[in-house]
Protein backbone atom coordinates (compact mmCIF):
# COMPACT_ATOMS: atom_id res chain seq x y z
CA UNK A 1 -146.21 -7.49 49.09
CA UNK A 2 -143.89 -5.94 51.74
CA UNK A 3 -140.26 -7.05 51.45
CA UNK A 4 -139.47 -8.95 54.45
CA UNK A 5 -136.93 -6.19 56.23
CA UNK A 6 -139.76 -3.76 55.77
CA UNK A 7 -141.83 -6.06 57.57
CA UNK A 8 -139.54 -6.65 60.40
CA UNK A 9 -139.30 -2.80 60.70
CA UNK A 10 -143.23 -2.75 61.10
CA UNK A 11 -142.77 -5.80 63.64
CA UNK A 12 -139.93 -3.97 65.78
CA UNK A 13 -142.25 -0.68 65.66
CA UNK A 14 -145.19 -2.81 66.86
CA UNK A 15 -143.08 -4.41 69.71
CA UNK A 16 -142.43 -0.86 71.00
CA UNK A 17 -146.19 -0.49 71.35
CA UNK A 18 -146.46 -3.66 73.03
CA UNK A 19 -143.90 -3.14 75.32
CA UNK A 20 -145.30 0.27 76.30
CA UNK A 21 -148.37 -0.88 77.06
CA UNK A 22 -146.76 -3.91 79.03
CA UNK A 23 -145.53 -1.38 81.27
CA UNK A 24 -148.80 0.30 82.17
CA UNK A 25 -150.77 -3.04 82.34
CA UNK A 26 -151.07 -5.23 85.57
CA UNK A 27 -152.35 -8.37 85.73
CA UNK A 28 -154.23 -9.81 88.90
CA UNK A 29 -152.95 -12.84 90.39
CA UNK A 30 -155.04 -15.60 91.84
CA UNK A 31 -155.73 -15.83 95.55
CA UNK A 32 -152.83 -18.32 96.35
CA UNK A 33 -152.71 -21.32 98.95
CA UNK A 34 -149.16 -23.25 98.95
CA UNK A 35 -147.03 -26.27 100.06
CA UNK A 36 -148.39 -29.94 100.76
CA UNK A 37 -151.81 -30.00 101.54
CA UNK A 38 -152.98 -26.77 100.30
CA UNK A 39 -155.58 -27.95 97.89
CA UNK A 40 -157.57 -28.96 101.21
CA UNK A 41 -157.08 -25.27 102.29
CA UNK A 42 -158.46 -24.28 98.85
CA UNK A 43 -161.49 -26.34 99.20
CA UNK A 44 -162.18 -24.83 102.92
CA UNK A 45 -161.82 -21.37 101.55
CA UNK A 46 -164.26 -22.01 98.89
CA UNK A 47 -166.81 -23.72 101.26
CA UNK A 48 -166.51 -20.99 104.35
CA UNK A 49 -165.68 -17.75 102.39
CA UNK A 50 -167.11 -17.56 98.84
CA UNK A 51 -170.99 -19.08 99.69
CA UNK A 52 -170.81 -21.36 96.86
CA UNK A 53 -172.90 -24.20 97.60
CA UNK A 54 -172.95 -26.48 93.97
CA UNK A 55 -169.84 -26.59 92.42
CA UNK A 56 -168.73 -28.07 88.91
CA UNK A 57 -165.51 -30.01 89.24
CA UNK A 58 -163.54 -30.28 85.77
CA UNK A 59 -161.03 -32.63 85.46
CA UNK A 60 -160.05 -35.52 83.24
CA UNK A 61 -160.90 -39.33 83.77
CA UNK A 62 -157.66 -40.80 84.51
CA UNK A 63 -157.44 -38.18 87.52
CA UNK A 64 -160.98 -39.62 88.88
CA UNK A 65 -160.01 -43.31 88.42
CA UNK A 66 -156.71 -43.09 90.26
CA UNK A 67 -158.60 -41.35 93.19
CA UNK A 68 -156.57 -38.23 93.22
CA UNK A 69 -159.86 -36.26 93.53
CA UNK A 70 -161.13 -37.88 96.30
CA UNK A 71 -159.91 -36.20 99.26
CA UNK A 72 -161.02 -32.93 97.97
CA UNK A 73 -164.22 -34.23 97.26
CA UNK A 74 -164.76 -35.82 100.82
CA UNK A 75 -163.65 -32.23 102.07
CA UNK A 76 -165.91 -30.27 100.19
CA UNK A 77 -168.71 -32.58 101.24
CA UNK A 78 -168.07 -32.14 104.91
CA UNK A 79 -168.13 -28.66 104.52
CA UNK A 80 -171.79 -28.94 102.95
CA UNK A 81 -170.66 -28.27 99.29
CA UNK A 82 -172.32 -30.21 96.91
CA UNK A 83 -170.36 -31.18 93.68
CA UNK A 84 -170.61 -32.82 90.14
CA UNK A 85 -167.71 -34.00 88.34
CA UNK A 86 -167.42 -33.55 84.34
CA UNK A 87 -164.30 -35.50 83.62
CA UNK A 88 -164.46 -35.14 79.72
CA UNK A 89 -161.39 -33.23 79.14
CA UNK A 90 -158.91 -34.48 77.15
CA UNK A 91 -155.40 -33.19 76.27
CA UNK A 92 -155.91 -30.34 73.79
CA UNK A 93 -159.39 -29.41 74.82
CA UNK A 94 -161.87 -29.11 72.05
CA UNK A 95 -164.98 -26.90 71.94
CA UNK A 96 -167.42 -29.63 71.74
CA UNK A 97 -165.57 -30.95 75.02
CA UNK A 98 -165.92 -27.46 76.43
CA UNK A 99 -169.46 -27.16 75.46
CA UNK A 100 -170.58 -30.50 77.25
CA UNK A 101 -168.97 -29.33 80.50
CA UNK A 102 -171.05 -26.10 79.90
CA UNK A 103 -174.07 -28.23 79.55
CA UNK A 104 -173.90 -30.07 82.77
CA UNK A 105 -172.96 -26.93 84.93
CA UNK A 106 -176.40 -25.52 83.70
CA UNK A 107 -178.25 -28.62 84.12
CA UNK A 108 -176.91 -29.29 87.63
CA UNK A 109 -177.11 -25.41 88.61
CA UNK A 110 -173.57 -24.70 89.79
CA UNK A 111 -172.63 -21.42 90.64
CA UNK A 112 -168.57 -21.99 90.45
CA UNK A 113 -166.24 -24.17 89.06
CA UNK A 114 -163.35 -26.03 90.27
CA UNK A 115 -160.54 -27.09 88.14
CA UNK A 116 -158.32 -30.13 89.05
CA UNK A 117 -155.54 -31.43 86.77
CA UNK A 118 -153.01 -30.29 84.09
CA UNK A 119 -153.24 -27.23 81.54
CA UNK A 120 -155.98 -28.85 79.67
CA UNK A 121 -158.43 -29.25 82.28
CA UNK A 122 -157.75 -25.81 83.43
CA UNK A 123 -157.68 -24.38 80.15
CA UNK A 124 -161.44 -26.17 79.66
CA UNK A 125 -162.66 -25.22 82.91
CA UNK A 126 -161.64 -21.38 82.05
CA UNK A 127 -163.43 -21.47 78.40
CA UNK A 128 -166.88 -22.92 80.66
CA UNK A 129 -166.96 -20.40 83.29
CA UNK A 130 -166.47 -17.64 80.43
CA UNK A 131 -169.22 -19.19 78.35
CA UNK A 132 -171.38 -19.33 80.99
CA UNK A 133 -171.90 -15.63 81.55
CA UNK A 134 -171.24 -14.58 77.94
CA UNK A 135 -173.57 -15.17 75.23
CA UNK A 136 -171.27 -15.55 72.33
CA UNK A 137 -169.62 -18.63 71.07
CA UNK A 138 -166.37 -20.15 71.93
CA UNK A 139 -164.34 -19.43 68.56
CA UNK A 140 -165.78 -15.48 68.84
CA UNK A 141 -163.69 -15.35 72.13
CA UNK A 142 -160.43 -16.06 70.45
CA UNK A 143 -158.05 -13.28 70.55
CA UNK A 144 -157.39 -10.77 72.75
CA UNK A 145 -159.94 -9.07 74.98
CA UNK A 146 -162.81 -10.83 73.98
CA UNK A 147 -164.71 -11.84 77.29
CA UNK A 148 -167.05 -9.20 77.26
CA UNK A 149 -168.69 -10.24 80.87
CA UNK A 150 -166.55 -11.45 84.15
CA UNK A 151 -167.02 -15.28 83.80
CA UNK A 152 -168.25 -17.26 86.59
CA UNK A 153 -166.20 -17.59 89.62
CA UNK A 154 -163.32 -20.37 88.99
CA UNK A 155 -160.66 -22.08 91.22
CA UNK A 156 -157.83 -23.76 90.14
CA UNK A 157 -155.86 -27.30 91.53
CA UNK A 158 -152.81 -27.80 89.32
CA UNK A 159 -151.90 -31.47 89.13
CA UNK A 160 -148.87 -31.11 87.05
CA UNK A 161 -146.31 -28.71 86.95
CA UNK A 162 -146.08 -27.00 83.51
CA UNK A 163 -148.55 -24.77 81.65
CA UNK A 164 -148.91 -22.07 84.53
CA UNK A 165 -152.46 -21.94 83.64
CA UNK A 166 -153.60 -21.35 87.19
CA UNK A 167 -152.30 -17.75 87.02
CA UNK A 168 -152.50 -16.89 83.32
CA UNK A 169 -154.78 -14.79 81.02
CA UNK A 170 -154.82 -17.43 78.57
CA UNK A 171 -157.10 -20.47 77.39
CA UNK A 172 -156.08 -22.81 74.63
CA UNK A 173 -158.89 -24.65 72.21
CA UNK A 174 -158.56 -26.96 69.49
CA UNK A 175 -161.11 -27.09 66.71
CA UNK A 176 -160.65 -30.31 64.99
CA UNK A 177 -163.21 -29.40 62.09
CA UNK A 178 -160.74 -26.45 60.85
CA UNK A 179 -157.47 -28.18 62.28
CA UNK A 180 -157.11 -25.21 64.19
CA UNK A 181 -155.46 -24.33 67.59
CA UNK A 182 -156.43 -20.59 68.70
CA UNK A 183 -155.75 -19.07 72.24
CA UNK A 184 -158.60 -16.98 74.26
CA UNK A 185 -156.86 -14.08 76.05
CA UNK A 186 -158.06 -12.05 78.51
CA UNK A 187 -157.27 -10.83 81.92
CA UNK A 188 -161.17 -11.75 83.17
CA UNK A 189 -159.75 -15.57 82.67
CA UNK A 190 -157.13 -15.62 85.70
CA UNK A 191 -158.66 -17.96 88.53
CA UNK A 192 -159.78 -15.95 91.27
CA UNK A 193 -157.97 -18.71 93.52
CA UNK A 194 -155.55 -21.26 93.21
CA UNK A 195 -153.30 -23.95 95.14
CA UNK A 196 -149.78 -25.08 94.34
CA UNK A 197 -149.88 -28.44 96.04
CA UNK A 198 -146.65 -30.67 95.49
CA UNK A 199 -148.41 -33.55 97.24
CA UNK A 200 -150.77 -33.91 94.45
CA UNK A 201 -147.90 -34.47 91.97
CA UNK A 202 -146.07 -36.97 93.43
CA UNK A 203 -147.64 -40.10 91.71
CA UNK A 204 -147.26 -38.41 87.99
CA UNK A 205 -145.64 -40.41 85.80
CA UNK A 206 -141.87 -39.47 84.85
CA UNK A 207 -142.61 -38.81 81.16
CA UNK A 208 -145.38 -36.25 81.81
CA UNK A 209 -143.40 -34.98 84.78
CA UNK A 210 -140.48 -34.38 82.34
CA UNK A 211 -142.81 -32.89 79.24
CA UNK A 212 -144.82 -30.60 81.77
CA UNK A 213 -141.40 -29.40 83.32
CA UNK A 214 -140.04 -28.49 80.06
CA UNK A 215 -143.28 -26.81 79.27
CA UNK A 216 -142.84 -24.67 82.32
CA UNK A 217 -139.26 -24.05 81.26
CA UNK A 218 -140.29 -23.10 77.78
CA UNK A 219 -142.49 -20.60 79.41
CA UNK A 220 -139.55 -18.88 81.29
CA UNK A 221 -137.16 -19.04 78.54
CA UNK A 222 -139.44 -17.29 75.88
CA UNK A 223 -140.60 -14.60 78.72
CA UNK A 224 -136.68 -13.93 79.42
CA UNK A 225 -135.89 -13.49 75.53
CA UNK A 226 -138.57 -11.58 74.37
CA UNK A 227 -138.49 -8.25 73.46
CA UNK A 228 -141.46 -7.47 75.59
CA UNK A 229 -139.76 -8.18 79.09
CA UNK A 230 -139.79 -5.97 81.93
CA UNK A 231 -137.88 -6.19 85.38
CA UNK A 232 -140.56 -8.02 87.07
CA UNK A 233 -141.06 -10.75 84.29
CA UNK A 234 -137.20 -11.16 84.38
CA UNK A 235 -136.85 -11.37 88.22
CA UNK A 236 -139.97 -14.57 87.65
CA UNK A 237 -138.69 -15.85 84.57
CA UNK A 238 -134.94 -16.29 86.04
CA UNK A 239 -136.24 -17.62 89.53
CA UNK A 240 -138.21 -20.16 87.50
CA UNK A 241 -135.29 -21.75 85.83
CA UNK A 242 -133.32 -21.75 88.67
CA UNK A 243 -135.82 -23.79 90.12
CA UNK A 244 -136.72 -26.09 87.38
CA UNK A 245 -132.92 -26.50 86.83
CA UNK A 246 -132.08 -27.42 90.21
CA UNK A 247 -135.76 -29.69 90.63
CA UNK A 248 -136.91 -31.15 87.36
CA UNK A 249 -134.22 -34.02 86.80
CA UNK A 250 -134.72 -34.97 90.61
CA UNK A 251 -138.60 -34.87 90.25
CA UNK A 252 -138.48 -36.94 87.07
CA UNK A 253 -135.84 -39.72 88.68
CA UNK A 254 -137.67 -39.67 92.29
CA UNK A 255 -141.28 -38.50 91.77
CA UNK A 256 -142.05 -39.09 95.41
CA UNK A 257 -139.70 -35.85 96.12
CA UNK A 258 -141.94 -33.52 97.60
CA UNK A 259 -139.75 -30.97 98.11
CA UNK A 260 -138.79 -31.14 94.25
CA UNK A 261 -142.37 -31.51 93.01
CA UNK A 262 -143.18 -28.46 95.25
CA UNK A 263 -140.49 -26.46 93.87
CA UNK A 264 -141.37 -27.31 90.23
CA UNK A 265 -145.06 -26.37 91.25
CA UNK A 266 -143.57 -22.90 92.35
CA UNK A 267 -141.42 -22.60 89.18
CA UNK A 268 -144.35 -23.35 87.03
CA UNK A 269 -146.70 -20.69 88.76
CA UNK A 270 -143.50 -17.78 88.45
CA UNK A 271 -143.12 -18.81 84.87
CA UNK A 272 -146.59 -18.24 84.49
CA UNK A 273 -146.65 -15.15 85.91
CA UNK A 274 -143.46 -14.17 83.29
CA UNK A 275 -145.13 -15.33 80.45
CA UNK A 276 -148.34 -13.63 81.20
CA UNK A 277 -146.77 -10.07 80.39
CA UNK A 278 -143.93 -10.85 78.76
CA UNK A 279 -145.45 -13.32 76.27
CA UNK A 280 -144.08 -16.45 74.52
CA UNK A 281 -142.71 -16.89 71.08
CA UNK A 282 -142.23 -19.11 68.33
CA UNK A 283 -141.81 -22.22 70.44
CA UNK A 284 -145.62 -21.78 71.06
CA UNK A 285 -146.59 -20.94 67.79
CA UNK A 286 -144.74 -24.04 66.19
CA UNK A 287 -146.06 -26.09 69.46
CA UNK A 288 -149.31 -25.31 68.97
CA UNK A 289 -149.90 -26.68 65.74
CA UNK A 290 -148.25 -29.97 66.09
CA UNK A 291 -150.97 -30.21 68.78
CA UNK A 292 -153.96 -28.94 66.09
CA UNK A 293 -152.55 -31.33 63.54
CA UNK A 294 -151.24 -34.49 65.21
CA UNK A 295 -152.70 -34.10 68.78
CA UNK A 296 -148.94 -33.64 70.26
CA UNK A 297 -149.17 -33.17 73.74
CA UNK A 298 -148.30 -29.41 74.51
CA UNK A 299 -145.47 -29.51 76.66
CA UNK A 300 -143.90 -32.29 74.63
CA UNK A 301 -144.22 -30.12 71.62
CA UNK A 302 -142.68 -27.34 73.22
CA UNK A 303 -139.65 -29.59 74.75
CA UNK A 304 -138.84 -30.96 70.89
CA UNK A 305 -139.09 -27.34 69.54
CA UNK A 306 -137.63 -25.24 72.09
CA UNK A 307 -133.73 -25.96 71.23
CA UNK A 308 -134.22 -25.34 67.64
CA UNK A 309 -135.74 -21.81 68.27
CA UNK A 310 -132.85 -21.02 70.79
CA UNK A 311 -130.33 -21.78 67.91
CA UNK A 312 -132.26 -19.70 65.49
CA UNK A 313 -132.75 -16.71 68.31
CA UNK A 314 -129.08 -16.94 69.76
CA UNK A 315 -127.60 -14.04 67.36
CA UNK A 316 -130.31 -11.32 68.83
CA UNK A 317 -130.27 -12.46 72.33
CA UNK A 318 -127.17 -14.27 73.56
CA UNK A 319 -126.72 -12.17 76.47
CA UNK A 320 -130.02 -13.22 77.72
CA UNK A 321 -129.36 -17.08 76.97
CA UNK A 322 -126.02 -16.55 78.85
CA UNK A 323 -127.92 -15.18 81.91
CA UNK A 324 -130.17 -18.08 82.10
CA UNK A 325 -126.90 -20.14 81.69
CA UNK A 326 -125.55 -18.58 84.64
CA UNK A 327 -128.78 -19.16 86.65
CA UNK A 328 -128.74 -22.67 86.03
CA UNK A 329 -125.28 -23.45 87.36
CA UNK A 330 -123.81 -23.62 84.04
CA UNK A 331 -120.82 -21.04 84.40
CA UNK A 332 -117.26 -22.41 85.21
CA UNK A 333 -115.09 -20.15 84.38
CA UNK A 334 -114.72 -17.05 82.29
CA UNK A 335 -116.67 -18.14 79.47
CA UNK A 336 -117.85 -15.46 76.93
CA UNK A 337 -121.51 -14.74 76.60
CA UNK A 338 -121.79 -16.41 73.48
CA UNK A 339 -120.12 -19.65 74.96
CA UNK A 340 -122.59 -19.41 77.79
CA UNK A 341 -125.52 -18.92 75.32
CA UNK A 342 -124.31 -22.16 73.78
CA UNK A 343 -123.85 -23.99 76.85
CA UNK A 344 -127.67 -23.16 77.65
CA UNK A 345 -128.81 -24.77 74.38
CA UNK A 346 -126.80 -27.63 74.65
CA UNK A 347 -127.84 -28.01 78.42
CA UNK A 348 -131.70 -28.25 76.97
CA UNK A 349 -130.93 -30.58 74.53
CA UNK A 350 -129.11 -33.08 77.02
CA UNK A 351 -132.26 -32.79 79.31
CA UNK A 352 -134.14 -33.82 76.58
CA UNK A 353 -132.12 -36.48 75.90
CA UNK A 354 -132.13 -37.68 79.57
CA UNK A 355 -135.68 -37.33 79.72
CA UNK A 356 -136.54 -39.44 76.49
CA UNK A 357 -137.75 -36.55 74.39
CA UNK A 358 -137.54 -36.86 70.75
CA UNK A 359 -135.69 -34.48 68.53
CA UNK A 360 -138.06 -34.71 65.77
CA UNK A 361 -141.84 -35.25 65.34
CA UNK A 362 -142.87 -38.63 63.96
CA UNK A 363 -146.34 -37.57 62.33
CA UNK A 364 -144.98 -34.54 60.77
CA UNK A 365 -145.42 -34.34 57.34
CA UNK A 366 -143.59 -32.62 54.68
CA UNK A 367 -146.97 -31.99 52.42
CA UNK A 368 -148.39 -30.20 56.16
CA UNK A 369 -145.09 -27.66 56.30
CA UNK A 370 -146.82 -25.07 54.39
CA UNK A 371 -149.71 -25.03 56.10
CA UNK A 372 -148.14 -25.01 59.73
CA UNK A 373 -146.15 -22.15 58.62
CA UNK A 374 -148.79 -19.94 57.66
CA UNK A 375 -150.60 -20.77 60.83
CA UNK A 376 -147.58 -20.49 62.74
CA UNK A 377 -146.68 -16.88 61.29
CA UNK A 378 -150.07 -15.87 61.84
CA UNK A 379 -149.94 -16.18 65.42
CA UNK A 380 -146.83 -15.30 66.24
CA UNK A 381 -146.24 -12.18 64.01
CA UNK A 382 -147.67 -9.08 65.55
CA UNK A 383 -148.62 -11.05 68.57
CA UNK A 384 -145.36 -12.36 69.73
CA UNK A 385 -142.01 -10.15 70.76
CA UNK A 386 -139.89 -12.56 69.31
CA UNK A 387 -136.00 -11.37 69.38
CA UNK A 388 -135.48 -12.61 65.73
CA UNK A 389 -138.08 -13.05 62.72
CA UNK A 390 -138.22 -15.32 60.04
CA UNK A 391 -139.84 -15.11 56.88
CA UNK A 392 -141.58 -17.83 54.89
CA UNK A 393 -139.08 -19.71 53.24
CA UNK A 394 -136.92 -19.72 56.44
CA UNK A 395 -140.05 -21.03 58.61
CA UNK A 396 -140.56 -23.67 56.51
CA UNK A 397 -136.83 -24.62 56.20
CA UNK A 398 -136.75 -24.44 59.91
CA UNK A 399 -139.91 -26.52 60.69
CA UNK A 400 -138.59 -29.48 58.34
CA UNK A 401 -135.62 -29.86 60.46
CA UNK A 402 -138.17 -31.63 62.75
CA UNK A 403 -139.14 -33.93 59.97
CA UNK A 404 -138.80 -37.74 61.18
CA UNK A 405 -135.56 -39.31 59.76
């Protein structure tokens, strides 16, 4: 087995290859409709510009129950588009849920998909769209560039400001049979059209607003401190961080504030653009496994893990954390970069405390930590350009910090 120091050299060499490839790769973004009411504009676009007449709506049961879909359904019907709803998506969507949606799509003869909901609904819709045009199973799509044929046309209406799934190349799927959560990453998964409609988010409960907002912040921060960053991703990540710091607390306290909701929707999109190119890091690698093992919602898991990872990463990225502190409005005088980095991490912790986000994972078991560590390291190493690497003993001790008291 290679010593850890030699592994780090290999990782850094591989990161240089990733960074070089990033500079020559460009990912398309969806045709975007933005602003309160833009979801109806997207419906009109689908009806009048695409030729789609039979649409599968992928969502979750709660959004159907509260009537959030009704205006969009009425708009589509008035414009002559037939639709059928699949509302079986749950947090951390599973292979079974996706296959059930695919069966309904085929039964009803749908030719396009409209995802309405949070990241789980959009991710599930991405994989349904891919499965509709590809013969191989979902597990065989796991990894990078394994979607052979272009998916069925997909449109996205995010109802949370968090995942940025409406613009990313990734979809995350859970396999309960193996306690595994894996990502399918392919530029073909990016929706062809999307909207950022803050008005749809005004009824979102405060805890979900907080967790999804911290999810968006995690995307922006991990993209910015990634060794794979570019000038474009830096600009998007910094702007996303600024918008989140200016608007998230307002959106949590006053859910009906449309300006704050719209700004958070834009921030989530920008963070999605940033991490699609720059990638994420240890926060996501660990949070994915907390979701797989304990069904912890992804945004909440990210929020818990983020300050711990920033503490560990700080020695290799204090200047970048200092810049995040500056755009967050935390500079008050002549602080050094290290002092500003500490201020930023402290502010992240203070936001978590304000929002009632815990510092530990209640269901985490010491006996699960070795397996969680193996899976998280397997996901992160050779994939994520993290600023500082951990070996397995350090990783296990790191995850143990989040054991319940």
